[in-house]
N, C-alpha and C. Protein backbone atom coordinates (compact mmCIF):
# COMPACT_ATOMS: atom_id res chain seq x y z
N UNK A 1 117.38 88.15 129.81
CA UNK A 1 117.43 88.75 128.39
C UNK A 1 115.69 87.30 127.76
N UNK A 2 116.20 86.09 128.40
CA UNK A 2 115.13 85.05 128.30
C UNK A 2 113.97 85.89 128.06
N UNK A 3 114.16 86.66 129.69
CA UNK A 3 112.42 87.52 130.31
C UNK A 3 112.17 87.70 129.29
N UNK A 4 113.43 88.97 128.08
CA UNK A 4 112.46 89.36 127.44
C UNK A 4 111.85 89.14 126.03
N UNK A 5 112.38 87.61 125.93
CA UNK A 5 111.80 87.39 124.37
C UNK A 5 110.42 86.54 125.34
N UNK A 6 110.08 86.53 125.93
CA UNK A 6 109.42 85.75 126.46
C UNK A 6 108.45 86.97 126.16
N UNK A 7 108.74 87.83 126.35
CA UNK A 7 108.06 88.56 126.72
C UNK A 7 107.27 89.05 124.87
N UNK A 8 107.91 89.74 124.33
CA UNK A 8 107.80 89.73 122.82
C UNK A 8 106.58 88.87 122.70
N UNK A 9 107.04 87.38 122.51
CA UNK A 9 106.39 86.13 122.15
C UNK A 9 105.21 86.40 122.80
N UNK A 10 104.58 87.05 123.76
CA UNK A 10 103.56 87.26 124.16
C UNK A 10 102.42 88.67 123.78
N UNK A 11 104.09 89.47 122.48
CA UNK A 11 103.00 90.67 122.70
C UNK A 11 101.77 90.10 121.99
N UNK A 12 100.65 90.35 122.43
CA UNK A 12 99.36 90.52 121.17
C UNK A 12 99.07 92.13 120.39
N UNK A 13 99.77 92.96 120.89
CA UNK A 13 99.84 93.98 120.20
C UNK A 13 100.75 93.77 118.54
N UNK A 14 102.07 93.23 119.25
CA UNK A 14 103.34 93.17 118.52
C UNK A 14 102.38 91.71 117.26
N UNK A 15 101.76 90.92 117.87
CA UNK A 15 102.08 89.50 117.08
C UNK A 15 100.68 90.37 115.82
N UNK A 16 99.44 90.67 116.82
CA UNK A 16 98.37 91.32 115.70
C UNK A 16 99.09 92.21 114.49
N UNK A 17 99.68 93.24 114.96
CA UNK A 17 101.05 94.14 113.80
C UNK A 17 101.53 93.05 112.23
N UNK A 18 101.90 92.12 113.46
CA UNK A 18 103.60 91.17 112.35
C UNK A 18 102.30 90.27 111.20
N UNK A 19 101.43 89.65 112.03
CA UNK A 19 100.13 89.55 110.79
C UNK A 19 99.55 89.49 109.97
N UNK A 20 98.93 90.91 111.02
CA UNK A 20 98.82 92.32 110.27
C UNK A 20 99.35 92.00 108.60
N UNK A 21 100.48 92.61 108.42
CA UNK A 21 101.94 92.88 107.35
C UNK A 21 101.90 91.27 106.96
N UNK A 22 102.13 90.20 107.28
CA UNK A 22 102.10 89.12 106.63
C UNK A 22 100.86 88.92 106.15
N UNK A 23 99.40 88.83 106.50
CA UNK A 23 98.22 88.54 105.67
C UNK A 23 98.03 89.37 104.62
N UNK A 24 98.47 90.77 104.43
CA UNK A 24 98.42 91.39 103.49
C UNK A 24 99.28 91.55 101.88
N UNK A 25 101.33 90.68 103.02
CA UNK A 25 101.86 90.55 102.08
C UNK A 25 101.79 89.39 101.16
N UNK A 26 100.51 88.07 101.64
CA UNK A 26 100.60 86.62 101.44
C UNK A 26 100.20 86.82 100.45
N UNK A 27 98.55 88.12 100.07
CA UNK A 27 97.25 88.06 100.20
C UNK A 27 98.61 88.49 98.36
N UNK A 28 98.71 90.16 98.68
CA UNK A 28 99.59 90.57 97.55
C UNK A 28 100.44 89.17 96.93
N UNK A 29 100.36 88.43 97.52
CA UNK A 29 101.85 88.08 96.51
C UNK A 29 100.73 86.15 95.49
N UNK A 30 99.33 86.44 96.57
CA UNK A 30 98.62 85.53 95.22
C UNK A 30 98.28 86.24 94.57
N UNK A 31 97.96 87.44 94.13
CA UNK A 31 97.28 88.29 93.20
C UNK A 31 98.63 88.33 92.73
N UNK A 32 99.38 88.68 92.92
CA UNK A 32 100.70 88.75 92.19
C UNK A 32 101.14 87.58 91.42
N UNK A 33 100.82 86.33 92.05
CA UNK A 33 100.88 85.12 91.80
C UNK A 33 100.19 84.98 90.17
N UNK A 34 98.89 84.73 90.10
CA UNK A 34 97.92 84.57 89.29
C UNK A 34 98.04 85.19 87.93
N UNK A 35 97.50 86.48 89.18
CA UNK A 35 98.08 87.52 87.27
C UNK A 35 99.61 87.42 86.60
N UNK A 36 100.34 86.70 87.05
CA UNK A 36 102.00 86.63 86.32
C UNK A 36 102.02 85.70 86.31
N UNK A 37 101.18 84.70 87.09
CA UNK A 37 101.22 83.10 86.96
C UNK A 37 103.13 82.96 86.76
N UNK A 38 104.14 83.45 88.32
CA UNK A 38 104.70 83.14 88.75
C UNK A 38 104.47 83.28 89.85
N UNK A 39 105.57 82.31 90.68
CA UNK A 39 105.32 83.06 92.03
C UNK A 39 107.01 83.15 92.94
N UNK A 40 107.16 84.00 93.03
CA UNK A 40 109.18 84.36 93.59
C UNK A 40 108.58 85.26 94.81
N UNK A 41 109.82 84.51 96.33
CA UNK A 41 110.01 85.30 96.98
C UNK A 41 109.75 86.45 97.48
N UNK A 42 110.80 87.78 96.44
CA UNK A 42 110.54 89.43 96.96
C UNK A 42 109.40 89.73 96.91
N UNK A 43 107.63 89.35 96.47
CA UNK A 43 106.34 90.06 95.61
C UNK A 43 106.20 90.12 97.26
N UNK A 44 106.77 89.23 98.26
CA UNK A 44 107.07 89.66 99.82
C UNK A 44 107.58 91.15 100.26
N UNK A 45 108.02 91.56 98.98
CA UNK A 45 109.31 92.87 99.36
C UNK A 45 108.15 93.81 98.61
N UNK A 46 107.57 94.17 97.61
CA UNK A 46 107.91 94.89 96.92
C UNK A 46 106.89 95.85 97.66
N UNK A 47 106.64 97.13 97.43
CA UNK A 47 105.52 97.95 97.80
C UNK A 47 104.92 98.18 96.82
N UNK A 48 103.66 98.95 97.53
CA UNK A 48 102.44 99.41 96.57
C UNK A 48 101.33 97.61 96.45
N UNK A 49 100.56 97.58 95.52
CA UNK A 49 99.73 97.07 95.47
C UNK A 49 98.57 96.52 96.86
N UNK A 50 97.70 95.55 95.84
CA UNK A 50 96.18 95.20 96.60
C UNK A 50 96.67 93.95 97.89
N UNK A 51 96.23 93.92 99.04
CA UNK A 51 96.27 95.47 99.29
C UNK A 51 98.08 95.86 100.39
N UNK A 52 97.48 97.31 101.27
CA UNK A 52 97.52 97.46 101.11
C UNK A 52 98.20 97.13 102.83
N UNK A 53 100.00 97.03 102.57
CA UNK A 53 100.76 96.42 103.75
C UNK A 53 100.90 97.12 105.24
N UNK A 54 101.58 97.97 104.96
CA UNK A 54 101.19 99.39 105.61
C UNK A 54 99.94 99.86 106.44
N UNK A 55 98.60 99.75 105.66
CA UNK A 55 97.97 100.39 106.46
C UNK A 55 97.32 99.07 107.49
N UNK A 56 97.42 97.71 106.85
CA UNK A 56 97.54 96.05 108.06
C UNK A 56 97.93 96.69 108.66
N UNK A 57 99.36 96.93 109.06
CA UNK A 57 100.41 97.01 110.07
C UNK A 57 99.57 97.61 110.76
N UNK A 58 99.69 98.98 110.55
CA UNK A 58 99.33 100.23 111.05
C UNK A 58 98.06 99.86 111.91
N UNK A 59 96.82 99.52 110.79
CA UNK A 59 96.07 98.89 111.46
C UNK A 59 95.49 98.62 112.56
N UNK A 60 96.21 97.19 112.93
CA UNK A 60 96.35 96.04 113.01
C UNK A 60 96.27 96.53 114.37
N UNK A 61 97.66 96.86 114.93
CA UNK A 61 98.70 97.57 115.53
C UNK A 61 97.45 98.54 116.40
N UNK A 62 97.17 99.74 116.06
CA UNK A 62 96.25 100.88 116.91
C UNK A 62 95.05 99.80 117.22
N UNK A 63 94.44 98.92 116.92
CA UNK A 63 92.93 98.46 116.75
C UNK A 63 93.33 97.27 117.62
N UNK A 64 94.97 96.93 118.23
CA UNK A 64 94.92 95.69 118.90
C UNK A 64 95.48 96.36 120.50
N UNK A 65 96.28 98.04 120.09
CA UNK A 65 96.20 98.52 121.29
C UNK A 65 94.69 98.97 121.85
N UNK A 66 93.81 99.66 121.10
CA UNK A 66 92.94 100.00 121.93
C UNK A 66 91.91 98.45 121.81
N UNK A 67 91.24 97.66 121.63
CA UNK A 67 91.52 96.88 122.46
C UNK A 67 91.39 96.39 123.23
N UNK A 68 92.66 96.00 123.75
CA UNK A 68 93.82 95.69 124.81
C UNK A 68 93.36 97.01 126.30
N UNK A 69 94.02 98.23 126.09
CA UNK A 69 94.27 98.43 126.92
C UNK A 69 93.36 100.21 126.83
N UNK A 70 91.81 100.16 125.60
CA UNK A 70 90.73 100.92 126.14
C UNK A 70 91.15 101.98 124.17
N UNK A 71 90.04 101.84 123.85
CA UNK A 71 90.02 103.27 122.69
C UNK A 71 89.86 104.44 123.25
N UNK A 72 89.78 104.35 124.94
CA UNK A 72 89.59 106.26 124.97
C UNK A 72 91.57 106.06 126.52
N UNK A 73 91.98 105.27 125.48
CA UNK A 73 93.68 104.95 126.64
C UNK A 73 94.79 106.09 125.96
N UNK A 74 95.63 107.37 125.81
CA UNK A 74 96.36 107.39 125.91
C UNK A 74 97.74 106.47 124.56
N UNK A 75 97.83 105.36 124.92
CA UNK A 75 98.72 104.90 123.89
C UNK A 75 97.87 104.32 122.40
N UNK A 76 96.21 104.47 122.83
CA UNK A 76 95.45 104.32 121.93
C UNK A 76 96.02 105.30 120.81
N UNK A 77 95.73 106.50 121.78
CA UNK A 77 95.93 107.55 120.34
C UNK A 77 97.08 107.66 120.06
N UNK A 78 98.32 107.04 120.75
CA UNK A 78 99.46 107.06 120.23
C UNK A 78 99.10 106.90 118.34
N UNK A 79 98.87 104.74 118.82
CA UNK A 79 99.03 103.89 117.59
C UNK A 79 97.94 104.69 116.69
N UNK A 80 96.95 105.39 116.53
CA UNK A 80 95.76 106.10 116.74
C UNK A 80 96.53 106.62 115.11
N UNK A 81 97.92 107.47 116.16
CA UNK A 81 97.55 109.10 114.98
C UNK A 81 99.06 108.26 114.44
N UNK A 82 100.03 107.62 114.75
CA UNK A 82 100.17 106.43 113.92
C UNK A 82 100.10 105.42 112.84
N UNK A 83 98.76 105.13 113.11
CA UNK A 83 98.12 104.62 112.15
C UNK A 83 97.81 105.82 110.93
N UNK A 84 97.52 107.22 111.21
CA UNK A 84 97.12 107.73 109.69
C UNK A 84 98.58 108.47 109.19
N UNK A 85 99.95 108.68 110.87
CA UNK A 85 100.43 109.22 109.39
C UNK A 85 100.85 107.73 107.98
N UNK A 86 101.63 107.00 108.90
CA UNK A 86 101.33 105.59 107.44
C UNK A 86 101.12 105.32 106.81
N UNK A 87 99.39 105.67 107.24
CA UNK A 87 98.27 105.57 105.68
C UNK A 87 98.39 106.87 104.60
N UNK A 88 98.90 107.70 105.24
CA UNK A 88 99.12 109.03 104.99
C UNK A 88 99.69 109.01 103.71
N UNK A 89 100.98 108.36 104.41
CA UNK A 89 102.36 108.63 103.80
C UNK A 89 102.12 107.94 102.41
N UNK A 90 101.39 106.49 102.81
CA UNK A 90 101.32 105.30 101.50
C UNK A 90 100.51 105.78 100.76
N UNK A 91 99.74 107.05 100.77
CA UNK A 91 98.73 106.85 99.84
C UNK A 91 99.55 108.62 99.47
N UNK A 92 99.82 109.20 99.56
CA UNK A 92 99.94 110.72 99.31
C UNK A 92 101.36 111.38 98.55
N UNK A 93 102.72 110.53 99.58
CA UNK A 93 103.98 111.36 99.80
C UNK A 93 104.09 110.39 98.90
N UNK A 94 104.08 108.49 98.99
CA UNK A 94 104.51 107.83 98.47
C UNK A 94 103.79 107.63 96.28
N UNK A 95 102.57 108.06 96.34
CA UNK A 95 102.02 108.11 95.04
C UNK A 95 102.88 109.09 94.47
N UNK A 96 102.90 110.42 94.85
CA UNK A 96 103.85 111.14 94.40
C UNK A 96 105.22 110.67 94.22
N UNK A 97 106.08 110.43 94.58
CA UNK A 97 107.16 110.03 94.35
C UNK A 97 107.02 109.18 93.26
N UNK A 98 105.89 107.74 93.17
CA UNK A 98 105.66 107.26 92.45
C UNK A 98 105.60 108.06 90.47
N UNK A 99 104.97 109.53 90.74
CA UNK A 99 104.78 109.96 90.00
C UNK A 99 106.00 111.15 89.25
N UNK A 100 106.98 111.34 90.47
CA UNK A 100 108.54 111.58 90.34
C UNK A 100 109.19 110.13 89.55
N UNK A 101 108.93 109.06 89.78
CA UNK A 101 109.73 108.03 89.23
C UNK A 101 109.43 107.88 87.57
N UNK A 102 107.88 108.72 86.96
CA UNK A 102 107.62 107.71 86.08
C UNK A 102 107.76 108.69 85.32
N UNK A 103 107.93 109.96 85.57
CA UNK A 103 108.64 111.68 84.71
C UNK A 103 110.64 111.60 84.22
N UNK A 104 110.59 110.54 85.43
CA UNK A 104 112.37 110.12 85.40
C UNK A 104 112.55 108.87 84.50
N UNK A 105 112.45 108.07 83.95
CA UNK A 105 111.71 106.74 83.65
C UNK A 105 111.88 107.44 81.80
N UNK A 106 110.78 108.67 81.76
CA UNK A 106 110.06 109.57 80.92
C UNK A 106 111.30 109.82 80.40
N UNK A 107 111.91 110.80 81.26
CA UNK A 107 112.98 111.42 80.32
C UNK A 107 114.65 110.72 80.29
N UNK A 108 114.54 109.60 81.05
CA UNK A 108 116.08 108.79 81.05
C UNK A 108 115.57 108.45 79.07
N UNK A 109 114.59 107.63 79.20
CA UNK A 109 114.04 107.63 77.54
C UNK A 109 114.44 107.86 76.74
N UNK A 110 114.16 109.08 77.23
CA UNK A 110 113.82 110.68 75.66
C UNK A 110 115.26 110.97 75.35
N UNK A 111 116.09 110.64 75.94
CA UNK A 111 117.58 110.86 75.82
C UNK A 111 118.47 110.28 75.05
N UNK A 112 117.94 108.99 74.72
CA UNK A 112 118.07 108.21 73.17
C UNK A 112 120.17 107.92 73.77
N UNK A 113 120.32 108.57 74.65
CA UNK A 113 121.81 107.73 74.72
C UNK A 113 122.58 106.78 74.93
N UNK A 114 123.99 105.92 74.77
CA UNK A 114 124.23 104.89 73.87
C UNK A 114 123.86 104.35 76.20
N UNK A 115 125.21 105.18 76.74
CA UNK A 115 123.92 105.37 78.34
C UNK A 115 123.30 104.48 78.66
N UNK A 116 122.05 105.10 77.89
CA UNK A 116 120.64 105.40 78.69
C UNK A 116 120.41 103.61 79.16
N UNK A 117 121.19 102.88 77.94
CA UNK A 117 120.63 101.21 78.28
C UNK A 117 121.09 100.94 79.60
N UNK A 118 121.78 101.26 79.47
CA UNK A 118 123.17 100.97 80.80
C UNK A 118 122.73 100.98 81.92
N UNK A 119 120.79 102.20 82.37
CA UNK A 119 120.69 102.92 83.27
C UNK A 119 118.90 102.30 83.37
N UNK A 120 118.98 101.60 85.17
CA UNK A 120 118.23 100.80 85.19
C UNK A 120 116.87 101.99 85.36
N UNK A 121 115.48 101.03 85.20
CA UNK A 121 113.94 102.15 85.35
C UNK A 121 113.76 102.13 87.21
N UNK A 122 113.62 103.90 87.07
CA UNK A 122 112.58 103.22 88.72
C UNK A 122 111.77 102.88 88.73
N UNK A 123 110.95 101.76 90.29
CA UNK A 123 109.64 101.75 90.23
C UNK A 123 108.87 102.81 90.68
N UNK A 124 108.16 102.85 89.48
CA UNK A 124 107.15 103.42 89.24
C UNK A 124 105.93 103.74 90.18
N UNK A 125 105.27 102.87 90.74
CA UNK A 125 104.12 102.12 91.36
C UNK A 125 104.59 101.55 92.85
N UNK A 126 104.41 103.50 94.02
CA UNK A 126 105.24 103.04 94.94
C UNK A 126 104.13 103.44 96.05
N UNK A 127 102.75 103.88 95.54
CA UNK A 127 101.96 104.75 96.59
C UNK A 127 100.57 103.25 97.10
N UNK A 128 100.05 104.04 97.24
CA UNK A 128 98.17 102.81 97.04
C UNK A 128 97.03 103.75 97.63
N UNK A 129 95.74 102.43 96.54
CA UNK A 129 95.04 103.16 96.29
C UNK A 129 93.73 103.36 97.05
N UNK A 130 93.42 104.08 97.02
CA UNK A 130 91.62 104.32 98.32
C UNK A 130 91.46 103.19 98.89
N UNK A 131 91.20 101.86 97.27
CA UNK A 131 90.90 100.81 98.24
C UNK A 131 91.65 99.67 98.15
N UNK A 132 93.11 99.81 97.91
CA UNK A 132 94.38 98.90 98.26
C UNK A 132 94.37 99.20 100.16
N UNK A 133 94.12 100.58 99.99
CA UNK A 133 94.86 101.25 101.86
C UNK A 133 92.69 100.65 102.86
N UNK A 134 92.02 101.14 101.56
CA UNK A 134 90.44 100.42 102.76
C UNK A 134 90.93 98.84 103.05
N UNK A 135 91.11 97.71 102.39
CA UNK A 135 90.91 97.01 102.12
C UNK A 135 92.44 96.59 103.37
N UNK A 136 93.51 96.80 103.44
CA UNK A 136 94.71 96.55 104.33
C UNK A 136 94.01 96.91 105.59
N UNK A 137 93.01 98.07 105.74
CA UNK A 137 92.42 98.62 106.90
C UNK A 137 91.93 97.38 107.59
N UNK A 138 91.31 97.30 106.90
CA UNK A 138 90.03 95.98 107.04
C UNK A 138 90.80 94.49 107.64
N UNK A 139 91.94 94.13 107.12
CA UNK A 139 92.83 93.42 107.31
C UNK A 139 93.52 93.52 108.17
N UNK A 140 93.35 94.69 108.91
CA UNK A 140 94.30 94.56 109.46
C UNK A 140 93.68 94.56 111.21
N UNK A 141 92.30 94.97 111.25
CA UNK A 141 91.68 95.33 111.33
C UNK A 141 90.74 93.85 112.35
N UNK A 142 90.66 92.82 111.09
CA UNK A 142 90.05 91.65 111.32
C UNK A 142 91.31 90.79 111.56
N UNK A 143 92.14 90.90 111.71
CA UNK A 143 93.45 90.54 111.89
C UNK A 143 94.02 90.71 114.19
N UNK A 144 94.41 91.16 113.80
CA UNK A 144 93.47 91.97 115.54
C UNK A 144 92.83 91.40 116.43
N UNK A 145 91.80 91.94 115.51
CA UNK A 145 90.62 90.98 116.31
C UNK A 145 90.90 89.37 116.95
N UNK A 146 91.10 88.70 115.41
CA UNK A 146 91.14 87.77 115.75
C UNK A 146 92.57 87.02 117.00
N UNK A 147 93.00 88.31 116.64
CA UNK A 147 94.90 87.95 118.36
C UNK A 147 94.67 87.92 118.93
N UNK A 148 93.31 89.28 119.31
CA UNK A 148 92.95 88.96 121.07
C UNK A 148 92.39 88.74 121.21
N UNK A 149 91.14 87.86 120.77
CA UNK A 149 90.34 86.91 120.90
C UNK A 149 90.54 85.91 120.96
N UNK A 150 91.77 85.25 119.88
CA UNK A 150 91.46 83.71 119.98
C UNK A 150 92.72 83.42 119.64
N UNK A 151 93.46 84.36 119.95
CA UNK A 151 95.50 83.52 119.72
C UNK A 151 95.84 84.09 121.97
């Protein structure tokens, strides 16, 4: 068991991925804290927003795997395709879910029923813009480079 834990603690691809997520979520928390003038710990779990932690995490994993195993390796191809689908989901699928949430909230508001006051609104911002995704990818690649070369 100790050997498995030690292996996880020195796995640079895993460390880069986790640091990519943490870096993006920290930047997101700082941006939202400045905007709202209030810090909340749940800012680390909010979907959507600048930058994309989905993009940062998956790009950090793919970049770290490429740097360690070679960009021509099968494991890099797996990580790159995995990153593509995660980023695609963050952009396309979750944006569509956000639009559905907007429609649902408008429908609830239009009902004008007493019960509608007790219904909690659905979060509408779920996906990411291209700029949020781009900066998430940049953060992920930078974090992977630093992790592989300096940690």
